[in-house]
């Protein structure tokens, strides 16, 4: 799938008040903005037209736009976030996506975060996590089936989202943590298994034959070189302090 568009949202000055399990130094707003701007510039360099939305002060996590929707060539599915503090972000995203796609919606009692939905060609893996429940996953699968996609539900035992543990690198290859490498759903795929010390790098992005990789994971970079794709390392350290990563920061289509 060639990407031509992306939607991002600027972090607000209160982004550090979002939900996080990371116990470290307080995130820095200026560094966050520098990293976010570099991320946007990279998407543009790869040929995407990027729409930059303004912050949502009432939702400090709203710059993690991936969780609000899943975009296919045929339709955009508006999510129903599983964290009460984030439920409402999807309503602010719907008008932007309506300019590009027809919309479908995940309805209560279903919950679904976009970070739990991994697209691998014409197949979706849907993580059952603390944010995405079975009702939300099955609603998404029913919508996707109308357009010819297959879906597989995958339990996420530890991480916040499925895509914290696995990314699709094209050509039937997954970049995956040791925790998820043995998942039955992934058996047919070639797997690049990360050293546990580099598990954060599992959240990588394949965009137009380039791989965006978090900066500072040399072993992972070495394991990806044989794929023959250009690797671009980006510093997303401030997003990482808020349980986020590369894929979280944009909706790509």
C-alpha atoms as a PDB file:
ATOM      1  CA  UNK A   1       0.000   0.000   0.000  1.00  0.00           C
ATOM      2  CA  UNK A   2       1.472   3.335  -1.055  1.00  0.00           C
ATOM      3  CA  UNK A   3       0.721   6.120   1.387  1.00  0.00           C
ATOM      4  CA  UNK A   4      -0.045   9.607   0.098  1.00  0.00           C
ATOM      5  CA  UNK A   5      -1.726  11.259   3.100  1.00  0.00           C
ATOM      6  CA  UNK A   6      -1.249  11.529   6.834  1.00  0.00           C
ATOM      7  CA  UNK A   7      -3.009  13.276   9.685  1.00  0.00           C
ATOM      8  CA  UNK A   8      -1.153  14.307  12.832  1.00  0.00           C
ATOM      9  CA  UNK A   9      -2.020  16.472  15.805  1.00  0.00           C
ATOM     10  CA  UNK A  10       0.341  18.836  17.596  1.00  0.00           C
ATOM     11  CA  UNK A  11       1.098  17.902  21.199  1.00  0.00           C
ATOM     12  CA  UNK A  12      -0.328  20.362  23.694  1.00  0.00           C
ATOM     13  CA  UNK A  13       1.744  21.972  26.429  1.00  0.00           C
ATOM     14  CA  UNK A  14      -0.038  19.668  28.887  1.00  0.00           C
ATOM     15  CA  UNK A  15       0.902  16.490  26.977  1.00  0.00           C
ATOM     16  CA  UNK A  16       2.838  15.296  30.017  1.00  0.00           C
ATOM     17  CA  UNK A  17      -0.486  14.975  31.869  1.00  0.00           C
ATOM     18  CA  UNK A  18      -1.557  12.090  29.658  1.00  0.00           C
ATOM     19  CA  UNK A  19      -1.762   8.448  30.656  1.00  0.00           C
ATOM     20  CA  UNK A  20       1.558   6.679  31.122  1.00  0.00           C
ATOM     21  CA  UNK A  21       3.049   3.724  32.947  1.00  0.00           C
ATOM     22  CA  UNK A  22       6.613   4.985  32.490  1.00  0.00           C
ATOM     23  CA  UNK A  23       8.339   6.073  35.677  1.00  0.00           C
ATOM     24  CA  UNK A  24      11.087   8.387  34.479  1.00  0.00           C
ATOM     25  CA  UNK A  25      11.934  12.043  34.140  1.00  0.00           C
ATOM     26  CA  UNK A  26       9.103  14.380  33.237  1.00  0.00           C
ATOM     27  CA  UNK A  27       8.677  14.735  29.460  1.00  0.00           C
ATOM     28  CA  UNK A  28       9.933  18.001  28.016  1.00  0.00           C
ATOM     29  CA  UNK A  29       7.549  19.995  25.816  1.00  0.00           C
ATOM     30  CA  UNK A  30      10.211  21.712  23.722  1.00  0.00           C
ATOM     31  CA  UNK A  31      11.955  18.421  22.941  1.00  0.00           C
ATOM     32  CA  UNK A  32       8.578  16.850  22.205  1.00  0.00           C
ATOM     33  CA  UNK A  33       7.801  19.574  19.663  1.00  0.00           C
ATOM     34  CA  UNK A  34      11.205  19.236  18.008  1.00  0.00           C
ATOM     35  CA  UNK A  35      10.766  15.477  17.699  1.00  0.00           C
ATOM     36  CA  UNK A  36       7.204  15.837  16.429  1.00  0.00           C
ATOM     37  CA  UNK A  37       8.257  18.359  13.795  1.00  0.00           C
ATOM     38  CA  UNK A  38      11.053  16.059  12.632  1.00  0.00           C
ATOM     39  CA  UNK A  39       8.522  13.236  12.376  1.00  0.00           C
ATOM     40  CA  UNK A  40       6.189  15.357  10.239  1.00  0.00           C
ATOM     41  CA  UNK A  41       9.083  16.506   8.047  1.00  0.00           C
ATOM     42  CA  UNK A  42      10.057  12.870   7.458  1.00  0.00           C
ATOM     43  CA  UNK A  43       6.538  11.916   6.377  1.00  0.00           C
ATOM     44  CA  UNK A  44       6.572  14.815   3.924  1.00  0.00           C
ATOM     45  CA  UNK A  45       9.993  13.782   2.607  1.00  0.00           C
ATOM     46  CA  UNK A  46       8.531  10.343   1.879  1.00  0.00           C
ATOM     47  CA  UNK A  47       5.886  11.923  -0.326  1.00  0.00           C
ATOM     48  CA  UNK A  48       2.941  12.258   2.050  1.00  0.00           C
ATOM     49  CA  UNK A  49       0.733  15.315   2.305  1.00  0.00           C
ATOM     50  CA  UNK A  50       0.424  15.916   6.037  1.00  0.00           C
ATOM     51  CA  UNK A  51      -2.544  17.620   7.685  1.00  0.00           C
ATOM     52  CA  UNK A  52      -1.520  19.023  11.066  1.00  0.00           C
ATOM     53  CA  UNK A  53      -4.365  19.442  13.544  1.00  0.00           C
ATOM     54  CA  UNK A  54      -4.248  21.737  16.553  1.00  0.00           C
ATOM     55  CA  UNK A  55      -3.927  20.375  20.115  1.00  0.00           C
ATOM     56  CA  UNK A  56      -6.973  19.379  22.141  1.00  0.00           C
ATOM     57  CA  UNK A  57      -6.348  20.859  25.607  1.00  0.00           C
ATOM     58  CA  UNK A  58      -8.995  18.650  27.231  1.00  0.00           C
ATOM     59  CA  UNK A  59      -7.262  15.534  25.894  1.00  0.00           C
ATOM     60  CA  UNK A  60      -3.519  15.597  26.622  1.00  0.00           C
ATOM     61  CA  UNK A  61      -3.009  12.266  24.791  1.00  0.00           C
ATOM     62  CA  UNK A  62      -4.771  13.453  21.611  1.00  0.00           C
ATOM     63  CA  UNK A  63      -1.519  13.748  19.622  1.00  0.00           C
ATOM     64  CA  UNK A  64      -1.510   9.933  19.618  1.00  0.00           C
ATOM     65  CA  UNK A  65      -3.947  10.120  16.725  1.00  0.00           C
ATOM     66  CA  UNK A  66      -3.543   6.494  15.624  1.00  0.00           C
ATOM     67  CA  UNK A  67      -5.825   5.327  18.421  1.00  0.00           C
ATOM     68  CA  UNK A  68      -8.801   7.313  17.122  1.00  0.00           C
ATOM     69  CA  UNK A  69      -9.345   5.427  13.844  1.00  0.00           C
ATOM     70  CA  UNK A  70      -8.217   2.787  11.377  1.00  0.00           C
ATOM     71  CA  UNK A  71      -8.040   3.894   7.745  1.00  0.00           C
ATOM     72  CA  UNK A  72      -8.328   1.504   4.799  1.00  0.00           C
ATOM     73  CA  UNK A  73      -8.411   2.411   1.107  1.00  0.00           C
ATOM     74  CA  UNK A  74     -12.192   1.909   1.174  1.00  0.00           C
ATOM     75  CA  UNK A  75     -13.303   3.286   4.557  1.00  0.00           C
ATOM     76  CA  UNK A  76     -12.220   4.879   7.821  1.00  0.00           C
ATOM     77  CA  UNK A  77     -13.363   3.136  10.986  1.00  0.00           C
ATOM     78  CA  UNK A  78     -13.771   5.582  13.855  1.00  0.00           C
ATOM     79  CA  UNK A  79     -12.643   3.903  17.065  1.00  0.00           C
ATOM     80  CA  UNK A  80     -14.152   3.925  20.533  1.00  0.00           C
ATOM     81  CA  UNK A  81     -11.129   4.358  22.833  1.00  0.00           C
ATOM     82  CA  UNK A  82     -10.899   2.029  25.790  1.00  0.00           C
ATOM     83  CA  UNK A  83      -9.524   4.621  28.220  1.00  0.00           C
ATOM     84  CA  UNK A  84     -12.262   6.860  29.602  1.00  0.00           C
ATOM     85  CA  UNK A  85      -9.897   9.843  29.689  1.00  0.00           C
ATOM     86  CA  UNK A  86      -9.371   9.539  25.915  1.00  0.00           C
ATOM     87  CA  UNK A  87     -12.949   8.862  24.859  1.00  0.00           C
ATOM     88  CA  UNK A  88     -13.893  11.929  22.861  1.00  0.00           C
ATOM     89  CA  UNK A  89     -10.710  12.242  20.820  1.00  0.00           C
ATOM     90  CA  UNK A  90     -12.325  10.150  18.089  1.00  0.00           C
ATOM     91  CA  UNK A  91     -15.172  12.644  17.713  1.00  0.00           C
ATOM     92  CA  UNK A  92     -12.662  15.410  17.005  1.00  0.00           C
ATOM     93  CA  UNK A  93     -10.933  13.236  14.380  1.00  0.00           C
ATOM     94  CA  UNK A  94     -14.051  12.157  12.475  1.00  0.00           C
ATOM     95  CA  UNK A  95     -14.549  15.414  10.497  1.00  0.00           C
ATOM     96  CA  UNK A  96     -10.945  15.363   9.250  1.00  0.00           C
ATOM     97  CA  UNK A  97     -11.259  11.782   8.021  1.00  0.00           C
ATOM     98  CA  UNK A  98     -14.691  12.401   6.499  1.00  0.00           C
ATOM     99  CA  UNK A  99     -12.972  14.586   3.912  1.00  0.00           C
ATOM    100  CA  UNK A 100     -11.101  11.510   2.670  1.00  0.00           C
ATOM    101  CA  UNK A 101     -13.222   8.420   3.373  1.00  0.00           C
ATOM    102  CA  UNK A 102     -16.699   7.209   4.159  1.00  0.00           C
ATOM    103  CA  UNK A 103     -16.953   6.523   7.874  1.00  0.00           C
ATOM    104  CA  UNK A 104     -17.940   3.521   9.965  1.00  0.00           C
ATOM    105  CA  UNK A 105     -18.054   3.540  13.768  1.00  0.00           C
ATOM    106  CA  UNK A 106     -17.266   1.219  16.668  1.00  0.00           C
ATOM    107  CA  UNK A 107     -20.226   1.381  19.052  1.00  0.00           C
ATOM    108  CA  UNK A 108     -20.487   0.708  22.813  1.00  0.00           C
ATOM    109  CA  UNK A 109     -20.140  -1.655  24.547  1.00  0.00           C
ATOM    110  CA  UNK A 110     -17.322  -2.250  22.078  1.00  0.00           C
ATOM    111  CA  UNK A 111     -14.008  -0.495  22.668  1.00  0.00           C
ATOM    112  CA  UNK A 112     -11.192  -0.346  20.153  1.00  0.00           C
ATOM    113  CA  UNK A 113      -7.917   1.596  19.948  1.00  0.00           C
ATOM    114  CA  UNK A 114      -6.215   1.932  16.583  1.00  0.00           C
ATOM    115  CA  UNK A 115      -2.956   0.937  18.234  1.00  0.00           C
ATOM    116  CA  UNK A 116      -4.382  -2.568  18.533  1.00  0.00           C
ATOM    117  CA  UNK A 117      -5.043  -2.957  14.797  1.00  0.00           C
ATOM    118  CA  UNK A 118      -2.184  -4.116  12.577  1.00  0.00           C
ATOM    119  CA  UNK A 119      -2.681  -4.261   8.806  1.00  0.00           C
ATOM    120  CA  UNK A 120      -0.633  -6.820   6.893  1.00  0.00           C
ATOM    121  CA  UNK A 121      -1.643  -6.576   3.241  1.00  0.00           C
ATOM    122  CA  UNK A 122      -5.295  -7.763   3.143  1.00  0.00           C
ATOM    123  CA  UNK A 123      -5.233  -9.132   6.689  1.00  0.00           C
ATOM    124  CA  UNK A 124      -5.854  -7.368   9.981  1.00  0.00           C
ATOM    125  CA  UNK A 125      -4.585  -8.541  13.338  1.00  0.00           C
ATOM    126  CA  UNK A 126      -6.703  -7.089  16.144  1.00  0.00           C
ATOM    127  CA  UNK A 127      -5.238  -7.077  19.635  1.00  0.00           C
ATOM    128  CA  UNK A 128      -7.429  -7.920  22.602  1.00  0.00           C
ATOM    129  CA  UNK A 129      -5.876  -5.653  25.209  1.00  0.00           C
ATOM    130  CA  UNK A 130      -6.795  -3.471  28.124  1.00  0.00           C
ATOM    131  CA  UNK A 131      -8.014  -0.913  25.580  1.00  0.00           C
ATOM    132  CA  UNK A 132      -9.721  -3.123  22.955  1.00  0.00           C
ATOM    133  CA  UNK A 133     -12.386  -5.630  23.978  1.00  0.00           C
ATOM    134  CA  UNK A 134     -13.879  -8.534  22.064  1.00  0.00           C
ATOM    135  CA  UNK A 135     -17.024  -6.606  21.100  1.00  0.00           C
ATOM    136  CA  UNK A 136     -14.978  -3.794  19.566  1.00  0.00           C
ATOM    137  CA  UNK A 137     -12.678  -6.229  17.794  1.00  0.00           C
ATOM    138  CA  UNK A 138     -15.589  -8.202  16.353  1.00  0.00           C
ATOM    139  CA  UNK A 139     -17.332  -5.025  15.189  1.00  0.00           C
ATOM    140  CA  UNK A 140     -14.153  -4.014  13.378  1.00  0.00           C
ATOM    141  CA  UNK A 141     -13.811  -7.481  11.839  1.00  0.00           C
ATOM    142  CA  UNK A 142     -17.396  -7.307  10.552  1.00  0.00           C
ATOM    143  CA  UNK A 143     -16.742  -3.920   8.928  1.00  0.00           C
ATOM    144  CA  UNK A 144     -13.457  -5.063   7.369  1.00  0.00           C
ATOM    145  CA  UNK A 145     -15.066  -8.245   6.019  1.00  0.00           C
ATOM    146  CA  UNK A 146     -17.456  -6.143   3.938  1.00  0.00           C
ATOM    147  CA  UNK A 147     -14.431  -4.968   1.957  1.00  0.00           C
ATOM    148  CA  UNK A 148     -12.781  -8.347   1.591  1.00  0.00           C
ATOM    149  CA  UNK A 149     -10.321  -8.261   4.493  1.00  0.00           C
ATOM    150  CA  UNK A 150      -9.615 -11.175   6.788  1.00  0.00           C
ATOM    151  CA  UNK A 151      -9.188 -10.555  10.515  1.00  0.00           C
ATOM    152  CA  UNK A 152      -7.578 -12.482  13.349  1.00  0.00           C
ATOM    153  CA  UNK A 153      -7.991 -11.628  17.035  1.00  0.00           C
ATOM    154  CA  UNK A 154      -4.761 -11.774  19.039  1.00  0.00           C
ATOM    155  CA  UNK A 155      -4.566 -11.663  22.851  1.00  0.00           C
ATOM    156  CA  UNK A 156      -2.172  -8.992  24.146  1.00  0.00           C
ATOM    157  CA  UNK A 157      -1.103 -10.262  27.572  1.00  0.00           C
ATOM    158  CA  UNK A 158       1.364  -7.585  28.640  1.00  0.00           C
ATOM    159  CA  UNK A 159       1.684  -4.480  26.476  1.00  0.00           C
ATOM    160  CA  UNK A 160      -0.641  -1.518  26.181  1.00  0.00           C
ATOM    161  CA  UNK A 161      -1.342  -2.178  22.486  1.00  0.00           C
ATOM    162  CA  UNK A 162      -0.650  -4.904  19.954  1.00  0.00           C
ATOM    163  CA  UNK A 163       1.554  -2.628  17.874  1.00  0.00           C
ATOM    164  CA  UNK A 164       3.854  -2.087  20.823  1.00  0.00           C
ATOM    165  CA  UNK A 165       4.910  -5.704  20.183  1.00  0.00           C
ATOM    166  CA  UNK A 166       4.697  -6.244  16.438  1.00  0.00           C
ATOM    167  CA  UNK A 167       4.969  -4.322  13.160  1.00  0.00           C
ATOM    168  CA  UNK A 168       4.544  -5.448   9.555  1.00  0.00           C
ATOM    169  CA  UNK A 169       7.636  -4.950   7.413  1.00  0.00           C
ATOM    170  CA  UNK A 170       6.110  -6.146   4.125  1.00  0.00           C
ATOM    171  CA  UNK A 171       6.726  -9.317   2.120  1.00  0.00           C
ATOM    172  CA  UNK A 172       5.269 -11.542   4.819  1.00  0.00           C
ATOM    173  CA  UNK A 173       7.712 -10.378   7.505  1.00  0.00           C
ATOM    174  CA  UNK A 174       6.957  -9.251  11.051  1.00  0.00           C
ATOM    175  CA  UNK A 175       9.185  -7.337  13.455  1.00  0.00           C
ATOM    176  CA  UNK A 176       8.183  -8.773  16.822  1.00  0.00           C
ATOM    177  CA  UNK A 177       9.102  -8.971  20.499  1.00  0.00           C
ATOM    178  CA  UNK A 178       9.977 -12.253  22.152  1.00  0.00           C
ATOM    179  CA  UNK A 179       6.686 -12.085  24.078  1.00  0.00           C
ATOM    180  CA  UNK A 180       4.599 -12.129  20.914  1.00  0.00           C
ATOM    181  CA  UNK A 181       6.834 -14.162  18.610  1.00  0.00           C
ATOM    182  CA  UNK A 182       5.144 -17.431  19.531  1.00  0.00           C
ATOM    183  CA  UNK A 183       1.580 -16.191  19.012  1.00  0.00           C
ATOM    184  CA  UNK A 184      -0.302 -18.748  16.948  1.00  0.00           C
ATOM    185  CA  UNK A 185      -1.691 -16.034  14.656  1.00  0.00           C
ATOM    186  CA  UNK A 186       1.821 -15.171  13.470  1.00  0.00           C
ATOM    187  CA  UNK A 187       2.977 -18.698  12.624  1.00  0.00           C
ATOM    188  CA  UNK A 188       2.710 -18.280   8.812  1.00  0.00           C
ATOM    189  CA  UNK A 189       4.979 -15.214   8.825  1.00  0.00           C
ATOM    190  CA  UNK A 190       8.716 -14.759   8.718  1.00  0.00           C
ATOM    191  CA  UNK A 191       9.653 -13.177  12.052  1.00  0.00           C
ATOM    192  CA  UNK A 192      12.478 -10.843  12.990  1.00  0.00           C
ATOM    193  CA  UNK A 193      12.629 -11.344  16.746  1.00  0.00           C
ATOM    194  CA  UNK A 194      14.013  -8.521  18.848  1.00  0.00           C
ATOM    195  CA  UNK A 195      16.360  -8.861  21.776  1.00  0.00           C
ATOM    196  CA  UNK A 196      14.343  -8.097  24.950  1.00  0.00           C
ATOM    197  CA  UNK A 197      16.502  -5.025  25.598  1.00  0.00           C
ATOM    198  CA  UNK A 198      15.285  -3.541  22.301  1.00  0.00           C
ATOM    199  CA  UNK A 199      11.588  -4.397  22.605  1.00  0.00           C
ATOM    200  CA  UNK A 200      10.585  -0.735  22.117  1.00  0.00           C
ATOM    201  CA  UNK A 201      11.832  -0.952  18.510  1.00  0.00           C
ATOM    202  CA  UNK A 202       8.990  -3.365  17.676  1.00  0.00           C
ATOM    203  CA  UNK A 203       6.888  -0.290  17.038  1.00  0.00           C
ATOM    204  CA  UNK A 204       8.357   0.581  13.645  1.00  0.00           C
ATOM    205  CA  UNK A 205       6.700   1.881  10.491  1.00  0.00           C
ATOM    206  CA  UNK A 206       6.887   0.727   6.878  1.00  0.00           C
ATOM    207  CA  UNK A 207       6.097   3.722   4.673  1.00  0.00           C
ATOM    208  CA  UNK A 208       6.605   3.664   0.915  1.00  0.00           C
ATOM    209  CA  UNK A 209       9.469   1.175   0.988  1.00  0.00           C
ATOM    210  CA  UNK A 210      11.195   2.952   3.882  1.00  0.00           C
ATOM    211  CA  UNK A 211      11.327   1.751   7.476  1.00  0.00           C
ATOM    212  CA  UNK A 212      10.997   4.339  10.224  1.00  0.00           C
ATOM    213  CA  UNK A 213      12.741   3.044  13.331  1.00  0.00           C
ATOM    214  CA  UNK A 214      13.111   4.534  16.810  1.00  0.00           C
ATOM    215  CA  UNK A 215      16.587   5.940  17.251  1.00  0.00           C
ATOM    216  CA  UNK A 216      19.164   4.013  19.233  1.00  0.00           C
ATOM    217  CA  UNK A 217      18.405   0.335  18.548  1.00  0.00           C
ATOM    218  CA  UNK A 218      21.482  -0.869  16.696  1.00  0.00           C
ATOM    219  CA  UNK A 219      20.749  -4.601  16.958  1.00  0.00           C
ATOM    220  CA  UNK A 220      17.289  -4.138  15.483  1.00  0.00           C
ATOM    221  CA  UNK A 221      18.665  -1.970  12.691  1.00  0.00           C
ATOM    222  CA  UNK A 222      21.181  -4.668  11.826  1.00  0.00           C
ATOM    223  CA  UNK A 223      18.459  -7.317  11.691  1.00  0.00           C
ATOM    224  CA  UNK A 224      16.417  -5.190   9.278  1.00  0.00           C
ATOM    225  CA  UNK A 225      19.190  -4.437   6.779  1.00  0.00           C
ATOM    226  CA  UNK A 226      18.659  -7.626   4.768  1.00  0.00           C
ATOM    227  CA  UNK A 227      15.158  -6.437   3.821  1.00  0.00           C
ATOM    228  CA  UNK A 228      16.774  -3.996   1.388  1.00  0.00           C
ATOM    229  CA  UNK A 229      14.716  -1.011   2.496  1.00  0.00           C
ATOM    230  CA  UNK A 230      16.073   2.366   3.517  1.00  0.00           C
ATOM    231  CA  UNK A 231      15.991   2.750   7.297  1.00  0.00           C
ATOM    232  CA  UNK A 232      15.338   6.152   8.838  1.00  0.00           C
ATOM    233  CA  UNK A 233      15.927   6.511  12.566  1.00  0.00           C
ATOM    234  CA  UNK A 234      13.850   9.051  14.456  1.00  0.00           C
ATOM    235  CA  UNK A 235      14.096  10.188  18.056  1.00  0.00           C
ATOM    236  CA  UNK A 236      10.713   9.643  19.728  1.00  0.00           C
ATOM    237  CA  UNK A 237      12.042   9.603  23.268  1.00  0.00           C
ATOM    238  CA  UNK A 238       9.495  12.075  24.642  1.00  0.00           C
ATOM    239  CA  UNK A 239       6.562  10.130  23.185  1.00  0.00           C
ATOM    240  CA  UNK A 240       8.120   7.001  24.661  1.00  0.00           C
ATOM    241  CA  UNK A 241       7.892   8.521  28.126  1.00  0.00           C
ATOM    242  CA  UNK A 242       4.114   8.628  27.541  1.00  0.00           C
ATOM    243  CA  UNK A 243       3.812   4.994  26.379  1.00  0.00           C
ATOM    244  CA  UNK A 244       3.797   6.065  22.727  1.00  0.00           C
ATOM    245  CA  UNK A 245       5.883   5.438  19.644  1.00  0.00           C
ATOM    246  CA  UNK A 246       6.251   5.998  15.923  1.00  0.00           C
ATOM    247  CA  UNK A 247       2.967   4.544  14.754  1.00  0.00           C
ATOM    248  CA  UNK A 248       0.948   6.353  17.438  1.00  0.00           C
ATOM    249  CA  UNK A 249       1.768   9.786  16.070  1.00  0.00           C
ATOM    250  CA  UNK A 250      -0.049   9.632  12.730  1.00  0.00           C
ATOM    251  CA  UNK A 251      -2.894   8.212  10.705  1.00  0.00           C
ATOM    252  CA  UNK A 252      -1.511   7.164   7.317  1.00  0.00           C
ATOM    253  CA  UNK A 253      -3.476   6.361   4.174  1.00  0.00           C
END
